[in-house]
Amino acid sequence: MEQFTPQQFRIADMHTHIFPEKISEKATESIGSFYDIRMHYAIGESGYLRTAEAEIHAEKMLVCSVATTPKQVCSINDFIAAECSAHPEYLGFASMHGDFEDIGAEVDRAIGLGLRGIKLHPDFQRTAIDSKASYRIYEAIEGRLPVLIHLGDYRHDFSHPRMLAKVMQDFPKLKVLASHLGGYAAWDEAEDVLRGGENIRFDTSSSVCMMSPERAVRLIRKFGPECCIFGSDFPMWSPAKEAQRLLSLGFTFEEYQGMFYENAQRFLGF
């Protein structure tokens, strides 16, 4: 099996989180507490992200944050947009909440700010993927913006992969970035009910590091390498270590170049 290094590829990290400086340490700690894991980085701040990504010469980073209440939506979107203006390598995804009063107006505003998609975390937001509240968001963005959705949690039923399968039937023009190879801690279910296709991409964040190499290869082959994209889940994990884990799985150079850059580039049009 040929051994590759990250430096041989163009790289776009399509799953990272950043927070304003004054709350970055607390926000990072809260994520670690929610998942009961030790975060690789203690501070999920923009400068730390760029330093981490420089280790693998990443050219693009999808940056986002999550609104756990409707009143946080606008301030988060302003913050992400400002970071993207300051750092052209960033692709910003807006936050949204199903209980936000005027979703359509904020989607329009996010597009005007130059944001490239929407990020939802059903477990943090305690809003099921297939709920009426979430459907309000899909109605506002279908055919306009892609949505990055956290999928899977053994403790909750807000983000089960079967819900995403239903959503994609009900919204055939919705473009979805399915996090964590379709189902953090719910990969058996993801393998059963999800499949690759024109309007879905599966990111590798918080997944390859949590399963056997054989299982990771099986899932990526099942969805199709052309439908999978690299993500690190910074600050949870190290982009360099996650890239090395993916490179240990034995895919071809062309498949890796797709997963590391070209699949996301085509899907998001950057």
C-alpha atoms as a PDB file:
ATOM      1  CA  MET A   1       0.000   0.000   0.000  1.00  0.00           C
ATOM      2  CA  GLU A   2       1.409   3.365  -1.064  1.00  0.00           C
ATOM      3  CA  GLN A   3       1.983   5.797   1.787  1.00  0.00           C
ATOM      4  CA  PHE A   4       0.912   9.402   1.295  1.00  0.00           C
ATOM      5  CA  THR A   5       1.483  12.578   3.302  1.00  0.00           C
ATOM      6  CA  PRO A   6      -0.864  15.572   3.649  1.00  0.00           C
ATOM      7  CA  GLN A   7       1.649  17.754   1.821  1.00  0.00           C
ATOM      8  CA  GLN A   8       0.966  15.814  -1.393  1.00  0.00           C
ATOM      9  CA  PHE A   9      -2.611  17.100  -1.554  1.00  0.00           C
ATOM     10  CA  ARG A  10      -4.636  20.254  -1.732  1.00  0.00           C
ATOM     11  CA  ILE A  11      -6.629  20.252   1.513  1.00  0.00           C
ATOM     12  CA  ALA A  12      -9.886  21.847   2.583  1.00  0.00           C
ATOM     13  CA  ASP A  13     -11.067  21.136   6.128  1.00  0.00           C
ATOM     14  CA  MET A  14     -14.841  21.118   5.878  1.00  0.00           C
ATOM     15  CA  HIS A  15     -15.789  20.917   9.556  1.00  0.00           C
ATOM     16  CA  THR A  16     -14.326  23.364  12.064  1.00  0.00           C
ATOM     17  CA  HIS A  17     -15.730  25.514  14.875  1.00  0.00           C
ATOM     18  CA  ILE A  18     -14.558  28.940  16.023  1.00  0.00           C
ATOM     19  CA  PHE A  19     -15.814  31.201  18.802  1.00  0.00           C
ATOM     20  CA  PRO A  20     -15.321  34.840  19.820  1.00  0.00           C
ATOM     21  CA  GLU A  21     -12.247  35.344  21.962  1.00  0.00           C
ATOM     22  CA  LYS A  22     -14.162  36.242  25.138  1.00  0.00           C
ATOM     23  CA  ILE A  23     -16.105  32.952  25.163  1.00  0.00           C
ATOM     24  CA  SER A  24     -13.784  30.624  23.223  1.00  0.00           C
ATOM     25  CA  GLU A  25     -12.372  28.800  26.233  1.00  0.00           C
ATOM     26  CA  LYS A  26     -15.767  28.349  27.897  1.00  0.00           C
ATOM     27  CA  ALA A  27     -17.429  27.238  24.651  1.00  0.00           C
ATOM     28  CA  THR A  28     -14.698  24.696  23.965  1.00  0.00           C
ATOM     29  CA  GLU A  29     -14.959  23.345  27.498  1.00  0.00           C
ATOM     30  CA  SER A  30     -18.741  23.021  27.132  1.00  0.00           C
ATOM     31  CA  ILE A  31     -18.385  20.878  24.011  1.00  0.00           C
ATOM     32  CA  GLY A  32     -15.925  18.595  25.786  1.00  0.00           C
ATOM     33  CA  SER A  33     -18.305  18.263  28.720  1.00  0.00           C
ATOM     34  CA  PHE A  34     -21.260  17.486  26.450  1.00  0.00           C
ATOM     35  CA  TYR A  35     -19.384  14.598  24.816  1.00  0.00           C
ATOM     36  CA  ASP A  36     -17.340  13.663  27.885  1.00  0.00           C
ATOM     37  CA  ILE A  37     -14.075  13.859  25.978  1.00  0.00           C
ATOM     38  CA  ARG A  38     -10.850  15.788  26.362  1.00  0.00           C
ATOM     39  CA  MET A  39     -10.681  18.379  23.609  1.00  0.00           C
ATOM     40  CA  HIS A  40      -7.417  18.400  21.669  1.00  0.00           C
ATOM     41  CA  TYR A  41      -7.320  22.211  21.826  1.00  0.00           C
ATOM     42  CA  ALA A  42      -8.414  24.038  24.977  1.00  0.00           C
ATOM     43  CA  ILE A  43      -9.445  27.138  23.021  1.00  0.00           C
ATOM     44  CA  GLY A  44     -11.508  27.104  19.838  1.00  0.00           C
ATOM     45  CA  GLU A  45     -10.303  30.444  18.571  1.00  0.00           C
ATOM     46  CA  SER A  46      -9.681  31.568  15.008  1.00  0.00           C
ATOM     47  CA  GLY A  47      -5.931  32.053  15.474  1.00  0.00           C
ATOM     48  CA  TYR A  48      -5.540  28.579  16.942  1.00  0.00           C
ATOM     49  CA  LEU A  49      -7.434  27.139  13.979  1.00  0.00           C
ATOM     50  CA  ARG A  50      -5.148  28.769  11.434  1.00  0.00           C
ATOM     51  CA  THR A  51      -2.057  27.578  13.292  1.00  0.00           C
ATOM     52  CA  ALA A  52      -3.417  24.019  13.401  1.00  0.00           C
ATOM     53  CA  GLU A  53      -4.355  24.030   9.721  1.00  0.00           C
ATOM     54  CA  ALA A  54      -0.933  25.364   8.716  1.00  0.00           C
ATOM     55  CA  GLU A  55       0.517  21.988   9.735  1.00  0.00           C
ATOM     56  CA  ILE A  56      -1.221  20.414   6.736  1.00  0.00           C
ATOM     57  CA  HIS A  57      -1.151  23.500   4.493  1.00  0.00           C
ATOM     58  CA  ALA A  58      -4.948  23.599   4.356  1.00  0.00           C
ATOM     59  CA  GLU A  59      -6.166  26.093   1.773  1.00  0.00           C
ATOM     60  CA  LYS A  60      -9.796  26.334   2.865  1.00  0.00           C
ATOM     61  CA  MET A  61     -11.658  25.838   6.146  1.00  0.00           C
ATOM     62  CA  LEU A  62     -15.407  25.659   6.669  1.00  0.00           C
ATOM     63  CA  VAL A  63     -16.018  27.625   9.880  1.00  0.00           C
ATOM     64  CA  CYS A  64     -19.202  27.625  11.906  1.00  0.00           C
ATOM     65  CA  SER A  65     -20.734  27.837  15.350  1.00  0.00           C
ATOM     66  CA  VAL A  66     -24.083  26.776  16.835  1.00  0.00           C
ATOM     67  CA  ALA A  67     -26.925  28.901  18.203  1.00  0.00           C
ATOM     68  CA  THR A  68     -28.443  27.059  21.149  1.00  0.00           C
ATOM     69  CA  THR A  69     -31.155  29.730  21.420  1.00  0.00           C
ATOM     70  CA  PRO A  70     -32.847  31.883  18.752  1.00  0.00           C
ATOM     71  CA  LYS A  71     -31.434  35.102  20.200  1.00  0.00           C
ATOM     72  CA  GLN A  72     -27.865  33.932  19.510  1.00  0.00           C
ATOM     73  CA  VAL A  73     -28.395  33.527  15.763  1.00  0.00           C
ATOM     74  CA  CYS A  74     -27.684  37.066  14.530  1.00  0.00           C
ATOM     75  CA  SER A  75     -24.621  37.684  16.680  1.00  0.00           C
ATOM     76  CA  ILE A  76     -23.070  34.364  15.650  1.00  0.00           C
ATOM     77  CA  ASN A  77     -23.694  35.122  11.997  1.00  0.00           C
ATOM     78  CA  ASP A  78     -22.133  38.556  12.354  1.00  0.00           C
ATOM     79  CA  PHE A  79     -19.083  37.001  14.026  1.00  0.00           C
ATOM     80  CA  ILE A  80     -18.620  34.292  11.373  1.00  0.00           C
ATOM     81  CA  ALA A  81     -19.049  36.827   8.573  1.00  0.00           C
ATOM     82  CA  ALA A  82     -16.454  39.149  10.124  1.00  0.00           C
ATOM     83  CA  GLU A  83     -13.968  36.287  10.433  1.00  0.00           C
ATOM     84  CA  CYS A  84     -14.518  35.346   6.794  1.00  0.00           C
ATOM     85  CA  SER A  85     -13.936  38.944   5.710  1.00  0.00           C
ATOM     86  CA  ALA A  86     -10.668  38.966   7.640  1.00  0.00           C
ATOM     87  CA  HIS A  87      -9.547  35.532   6.428  1.00  0.00           C
ATOM     88  CA  PRO A  88     -10.319  34.673   2.776  1.00  0.00           C
ATOM     89  CA  GLU A  89      -9.441  31.016   3.379  1.00  0.00           C
ATOM     90  CA  TYR A  90     -12.590  30.670   5.486  1.00  0.00           C
ATOM     91  CA  LEU A  91     -15.927  29.461   4.128  1.00  0.00           C
ATOM     92  CA  GLY A  92     -18.499  30.624   6.660  1.00  0.00           C
ATOM     93  CA  PHE A  93     -21.684  28.748   7.488  1.00  0.00           C
ATOM     94  CA  ALA A  94     -24.413  30.666   9.289  1.00  0.00           C
ATOM     95  CA  SER A  95     -26.137  29.460  12.396  1.00  0.00           C
ATOM     96  CA  MET A  96     -29.920  29.073  12.513  1.00  0.00           C
ATOM     97  CA  HIS A  97     -32.463  27.907  15.048  1.00  0.00           C
ATOM     98  CA  GLY A  98     -35.876  26.416  14.272  1.00  0.00           C
ATOM     99  CA  ASP A  99     -37.584  28.820  16.683  1.00  0.00           C
ATOM    100  CA  PHE A 100     -36.055  31.935  15.123  1.00  0.00           C
ATOM    101  CA  GLU A 101     -38.911  34.283  14.245  1.00  0.00           C
ATOM    102  CA  ASP A 102     -38.124  35.288  10.648  1.00  0.00           C
ATOM    103  CA  ILE A 103     -35.941  32.548   9.228  1.00  0.00           C
ATOM    104  CA  GLY A 104     -36.306  33.723   5.638  1.00  0.00           C
ATOM    105  CA  ALA A 105     -35.119  37.231   6.430  1.00  0.00           C
ATOM    106  CA  GLU A 106     -32.064  35.980   8.326  1.00  0.00           C
ATOM    107  CA  VAL A 107     -31.219  33.563   5.511  1.00  0.00           C
ATOM    108  CA  ASP A 108     -31.346  36.504   3.101  1.00  0.00           C
ATOM    109  CA  ARG A 109     -29.130  38.503   5.447  1.00  0.00           C
ATOM    110  CA  ALA A 110     -26.662  35.617   5.796  1.00  0.00           C
ATOM    111  CA  ILE A 111     -26.381  35.359   2.019  1.00  0.00           C
ATOM    112  CA  GLY A 112     -25.804  39.110   1.863  1.00  0.00           C
ATOM    113  CA  LEU A 113     -23.021  38.713   4.421  1.00  0.00           C
ATOM    114  CA  GLY A 114     -21.336  36.204   2.108  1.00  0.00           C
ATOM    115  CA  LEU A 115     -22.034  33.119   4.214  1.00  0.00           C
ATOM    116  CA  ARG A 116     -22.115  29.901   2.239  1.00  0.00           C
ATOM    117  CA  GLY A 117     -24.477  27.589   4.133  1.00  0.00           C
ATOM    118  CA  ILE A 118     -26.281  26.819   7.383  1.00  0.00           C
ATOM    119  CA  LYS A 119     -25.017  24.783  10.365  1.00  0.00           C
ATOM    120  CA  LEU A 120     -27.444  22.838  12.577  1.00  0.00           C
ATOM    121  CA  HIS A 121     -26.659  20.759  15.643  1.00  0.00           C
ATOM    122  CA  PRO A 122     -29.924  19.019  16.598  1.00  0.00           C
ATOM    123  CA  ASP A 123     -28.588  17.666  19.905  1.00  0.00           C
ATOM    124  CA  PHE A 124     -27.236  21.014  21.155  1.00  0.00           C
ATOM    125  CA  GLN A 125     -30.385  22.752  19.923  1.00  0.00           C
ATOM    126  CA  ARG A 126     -32.689  19.951  21.125  1.00  0.00           C
ATOM    127  CA  THR A 127     -34.591  20.109  17.864  1.00  0.00           C
ATOM    128  CA  ALA A 128     -35.102  16.968  15.792  1.00  0.00           C
ATOM    129  CA  ILE A 129     -33.892  16.928  12.209  1.00  0.00           C
ATOM    130  CA  ASP A 130     -37.387  16.060  10.971  1.00  0.00           C
ATOM    131  CA  SER A 131     -39.342  18.406  13.268  1.00  0.00           C
ATOM    132  CA  LYS A 132     -41.659  21.164  12.040  1.00  0.00           C
ATOM    133  CA  ALA A 133     -39.154  23.710  13.348  1.00  0.00           C
ATOM    134  CA  SER A 134     -36.334  22.227  11.276  1.00  0.00           C
ATOM    135  CA  TYR A 135     -38.588  21.990   8.217  1.00  0.00           C
ATOM    136  CA  ARG A 136     -39.062  25.778   8.419  1.00  0.00           C
ATOM    137  CA  ILE A 137     -35.309  26.094   7.880  1.00  0.00           C
ATOM    138  CA  TYR A 138     -35.173  23.638   4.960  1.00  0.00           C
ATOM    139  CA  GLU A 139     -38.054  25.451   3.258  1.00  0.00           C
ATOM    140  CA  ALA A 140     -36.074  28.687   3.457  1.00  0.00           C
ATOM    141  CA  ILE A 141     -32.787  27.279   2.127  1.00  0.00           C
ATOM    142  CA  GLU A 142     -33.695  24.482  -0.316  1.00  0.00           C
ATOM    143  CA  GLY A 143     -32.111  25.316  -3.652  1.00  0.00           C
ATOM    144  CA  ARG A 144     -30.292  28.297  -2.101  1.00  0.00           C
ATOM    145  CA  LEU A 145     -27.847  27.148   0.590  1.00  0.00           C
ATOM    146  CA  PRO A 146     -26.450  23.786   1.734  1.00  0.00           C
ATOM    147  CA  VAL A 147     -26.901  22.671   5.328  1.00  0.00           C
ATOM    148  CA  LEU A 148     -24.255  21.064   7.528  1.00  0.00           C
ATOM    149  CA  ILE A 149     -26.019  18.796  10.035  1.00  0.00           C
ATOM    150  CA  HIS A 150     -24.565  17.002  13.027  1.00  0.00           C
ATOM    151  CA  LEU A 151     -25.768  13.402  12.843  1.00  0.00           C
ATOM    152  CA  GLY A 152     -26.034  10.694  15.476  1.00  0.00           C
ATOM    153  CA  ASP A 153     -25.853  10.407  19.259  1.00  0.00           C
ATOM    154  CA  TYR A 154     -26.542   7.300  21.290  1.00  0.00           C
ATOM    155  CA  ARG A 155     -27.998   9.387  24.157  1.00  0.00           C
ATOM    156  CA  HIS A 156     -30.553  11.397  22.180  1.00  0.00           C
ATOM    157  CA  ASP A 157     -32.898  10.957  19.253  1.00  0.00           C
ATOM    158  CA  PHE A 158     -32.735  14.439  17.744  1.00  0.00           C
ATOM    159  CA  SER A 159     -30.192  13.573  15.035  1.00  0.00           C
ATOM    160  CA  HIS A 160     -30.813   9.964  14.036  1.00  0.00           C
ATOM    161  CA  PRO A 161     -29.709   9.111  10.475  1.00  0.00           C
ATOM    162  CA  ARG A 162     -33.203   7.797   9.638  1.00  0.00           C
ATOM    163  CA  MET A 163     -34.510  11.344  10.126  1.00  0.00           C
ATOM    164  CA  LEU A 164     -32.095  12.668   7.521  1.00  0.00           C
ATOM    165  CA  ALA A 165     -33.241   9.993   5.059  1.00  0.00           C
ATOM    166  CA  LYS A 166     -36.806  11.275   5.493  1.00  0.00           C
ATOM    167  CA  VAL A 167     -35.761  14.922   5.126  1.00  0.00           C
ATOM    168  CA  MET A 168     -33.968  14.205   1.872  1.00  0.00           C
ATOM    169  CA  GLN A 169     -37.090  12.533   0.495  1.00  0.00           C
ATOM    170  CA  ASP A 170     -39.206  15.514   1.482  1.00  0.00           C
ATOM    171  CA  PHE A 171     -36.679  18.103   0.213  1.00  0.00           C
ATOM    172  CA  PRO A 172     -35.139  16.582  -2.941  1.00  0.00           C
ATOM    173  CA  LYS A 173     -33.277  19.799  -3.855  1.00  0.00           C
ATOM    174  CA  LEU A 174     -31.738  20.306  -0.403  1.00  0.00           C
ATOM    175  CA  LYS A 175     -27.939  19.993  -0.384  1.00  0.00           C
ATOM    176  CA  VAL A 176     -26.685  18.310   2.789  1.00  0.00           C
ATOM    177  CA  LEU A 177     -23.279  17.947   4.394  1.00  0.00           C
ATOM    178  CA  ALA A 178     -23.831  14.929   6.652  1.00  0.00           C
ATOM    179  CA  SER A 179     -21.398  15.120   9.543  1.00  0.00           C
ATOM    180  CA  HIS A 180     -19.395  12.298  11.064  1.00  0.00           C
ATOM    181  CA  LEU A 181     -19.826   9.818   8.189  1.00  0.00           C
ATOM    182  CA  GLY A 182     -23.556  10.032   8.655  1.00  0.00           C
ATOM    183  CA  GLY A 183     -23.930   9.297  12.332  1.00  0.00           C
ATOM    184  CA  TYR A 184     -21.677   9.935  15.317  1.00  0.00           C
ATOM    185  CA  ALA A 185     -22.114   6.805  17.506  1.00  0.00           C
ATOM    186  CA  ALA A 186     -24.886   5.634  15.146  1.00  0.00           C
ATOM    187  CA  TRP A 187     -22.863   4.280  12.250  1.00  0.00           C
ATOM    188  CA  ASP A 188     -24.734   0.997  11.928  1.00  0.00           C
ATOM    189  CA  GLU A 189     -27.931   2.962  11.388  1.00  0.00           C
ATOM    190  CA  ALA A 190     -26.227   5.359   8.984  1.00  0.00           C
ATOM    191  CA  GLU A 191     -24.961   2.445   6.924  1.00  0.00           C
ATOM    192  CA  ASP A 192     -28.477   1.006   6.777  1.00  0.00           C
ATOM    193  CA  VAL A 193     -30.484   4.092   5.819  1.00  0.00           C
ATOM    194  CA  LEU A 194     -28.151   6.591   4.093  1.00  0.00           C
ATOM    195  CA  ARG A 195     -26.472   6.465   0.716  1.00  0.00           C
ATOM    196  CA  GLY A 196     -24.368   8.712  -1.448  1.00  0.00           C
ATOM    197  CA  GLY A 197     -25.955  10.899  -4.085  1.00  0.00           C
ATOM    198  CA  GLU A 198     -25.831  14.177  -5.961  1.00  0.00           C
ATOM    199  CA  ASN A 199     -27.121  16.259  -3.037  1.00  0.00           C
ATOM    200  CA  ILE A 200     -25.249  14.748  -0.099  1.00  0.00           C
ATOM    201  CA  ARG A 201     -21.649  14.682   1.104  1.00  0.00           C
ATOM    202  CA  PHE A 202     -20.395  12.885   4.202  1.00  0.00           C
ATOM    203  CA  ASP A 203     -17.610  14.468   6.229  1.00  0.00           C
ATOM    204  CA  THR A 204     -15.036  12.355   8.037  1.00  0.00           C
ATOM    205  CA  SER A 205     -14.924  14.410  11.234  1.00  0.00           C
ATOM    206  CA  SER A 206     -15.271  12.642  14.607  1.00  0.00           C
ATOM    207  CA  SER A 207     -15.680   9.288  12.917  1.00  0.00           C
ATOM    208  CA  VAL A 208     -12.491   7.787  11.462  1.00  0.00           C
ATOM    209  CA  CYS A 209     -10.795   8.376  14.828  1.00  0.00           C
ATOM    210  CA  MET A 210     -13.578   6.499  16.633  1.00  0.00           C
ATOM    211  CA  MET A 211     -13.835   3.268  14.669  1.00  0.00           C
ATOM    212  CA  SER A 212     -11.654   0.529  13.265  1.00  0.00           C
ATOM    213  CA  PRO A 213      -9.903   1.216   9.952  1.00  0.00           C
ATOM    214  CA  GLU A 214     -11.892  -1.626   8.395  1.00  0.00           C
ATOM    215  CA  ARG A 215     -15.189  -0.042   9.378  1.00  0.00           C
ATOM    216  CA  ALA A 216     -14.119   3.382   8.146  1.00  0.00           C
ATOM    217  CA  VAL A 217     -13.159   1.950   4.761  1.00  0.00           C
ATOM    218  CA  ARG A 218     -16.454   0.053   4.538  1.00  0.00           C
ATOM    219  CA  LEU A 219     -18.510   3.176   5.248  1.00  0.00           C
ATOM    220  CA  ILE A 220     -16.576   5.365   2.821  1.00  0.00           C
ATOM    221  CA  ARG A 221     -16.845   2.693   0.121  1.00  0.00           C
ATOM    222  CA  LYS A 222     -20.563   2.297   0.863  1.00  0.00           C
ATOM    223  CA  PHE A 223     -21.267   6.022   0.490  1.00  0.00           C
ATOM    224  CA  GLY A 224     -18.674   6.373  -2.276  1.00  0.00           C
ATOM    225  CA  PRO A 225     -15.315   8.160  -1.898  1.00  0.00           C
ATOM    226  CA  GLU A 226     -16.619  10.742  -4.354  1.00  0.00           C
ATOM    227  CA  CYS A 227     -19.333  11.615  -1.803  1.00  0.00           C
ATOM    228  CA  CYS A 228     -16.969  11.938   1.190  1.00  0.00           C
ATOM    229  CA  ILE A 229     -15.009  15.002   2.335  1.00  0.00           C
ATOM    230  CA  PHE A 230     -12.356  15.670   4.947  1.00  0.00           C
ATOM    231  CA  GLY A 231     -13.286  17.344   8.220  1.00  0.00           C
ATOM    232  CA  SER A 232     -11.405  17.602  11.508  1.00  0.00           C
ATOM    233  CA  ASP A 233     -14.037  18.934  13.961  1.00  0.00           C
ATOM    234  CA  PHE A 234     -11.508  21.446  15.348  1.00  0.00           C
ATOM    235  CA  PRO A 235     -11.084  22.161  18.278  1.00  0.00           C
ATOM    236  CA  MET A 236     -12.170  18.644  19.189  1.00  0.00           C
ATOM    237  CA  TRP A 237      -9.374  16.977  17.224  1.00  0.00           C
ATOM    238  CA  SER A 238      -6.120  17.903  15.486  1.00  0.00           C
ATOM    239  CA  PRO A 239      -6.470  18.491  11.716  1.00  0.00           C
ATOM    240  CA  ALA A 240      -2.990  17.007  11.179  1.00  0.00           C
ATOM    241  CA  LYS A 241      -3.807  13.827  13.109  1.00  0.00           C
ATOM    242  CA  GLU A 242      -7.180  13.465  11.405  1.00  0.00           C
ATOM    243  CA  ALA A 243      -5.552  13.837   7.989  1.00  0.00           C
ATOM    244  CA  GLN A 244      -3.028  11.132   8.872  1.00  0.00           C
ATOM    245  CA  ARG A 245      -5.806   8.812  10.064  1.00  0.00           C
ATOM    246  CA  LEU A 246      -7.622   9.212   6.772  1.00  0.00           C
ATOM    247  CA  LEU A 247      -4.389   8.645   4.848  1.00  0.00           C
ATOM    248  CA  SER A 248      -3.833   5.352   6.656  1.00  0.00           C
ATOM    249  CA  LEU A 249      -6.930   3.770   5.098  1.00  0.00           C
ATOM    250  CA  GLY A 250      -5.419   2.777   1.763  1.00  0.00           C
ATOM    251  CA  PHE A 251      -7.409   4.749  -0.802  1.00  0.00           C
ATOM    252  CA  THR A 252      -5.893   5.786  -4.127  1.00  0.00           C
ATOM    253  CA  PHE A 253      -4.211   9.142  -4.743  1.00  0.00           C
ATOM    254  CA  GLU A 254      -7.166  10.255  -6.867  1.00  0.00           C
ATOM    255  CA  GLU A 255      -9.677   9.226  -4.199  1.00  0.00           C
ATOM    256  CA  TYR A 256      -7.738  11.092  -1.540  1.00  0.00           C
ATOM    257  CA  GLN A 257      -7.487  14.234  -3.646  1.00  0.00           C
ATOM    258  CA  GLY A 258     -11.234  14.095  -4.049  1.00  0.00           C
ATOM    259  CA  MET A 259     -11.889  13.639  -0.330  1.00  0.00           C
ATOM    260  CA  PHE A 260      -9.349  16.240   0.735  1.00  0.00           C
ATOM    261  CA  TYR A 261     -10.402  18.981  -1.676  1.00  0.00           C
ATOM    262  CA  GLU A 262     -12.111  18.374  -4.990  1.00  0.00           C
ATOM    263  CA  ASN A 263     -15.367  16.806  -3.762  1.00  0.00           C
ATOM    264  CA  ALA A 264     -16.047  19.757  -1.444  1.00  0.00           C
ATOM    265  CA  GLN A 265     -14.926  22.255  -4.099  1.00  0.00           C
ATOM    266  CA  ARG A 266     -17.439  20.896  -6.599  1.00  0.00           C
ATOM    267  CA  PHE A 267     -20.218  20.580  -4.039  1.00  0.00           C
ATOM    268  CA  LEU A 268     -19.872  24.059  -2.566  1.00  0.00           C
ATOM    269  CA  GLY A 269     -18.536  25.853  -5.634  1.00  0.00           C
ATOM    270  CA  PHE A 270     -15.521  27.561  -4.091  1.00  0.00           C
END
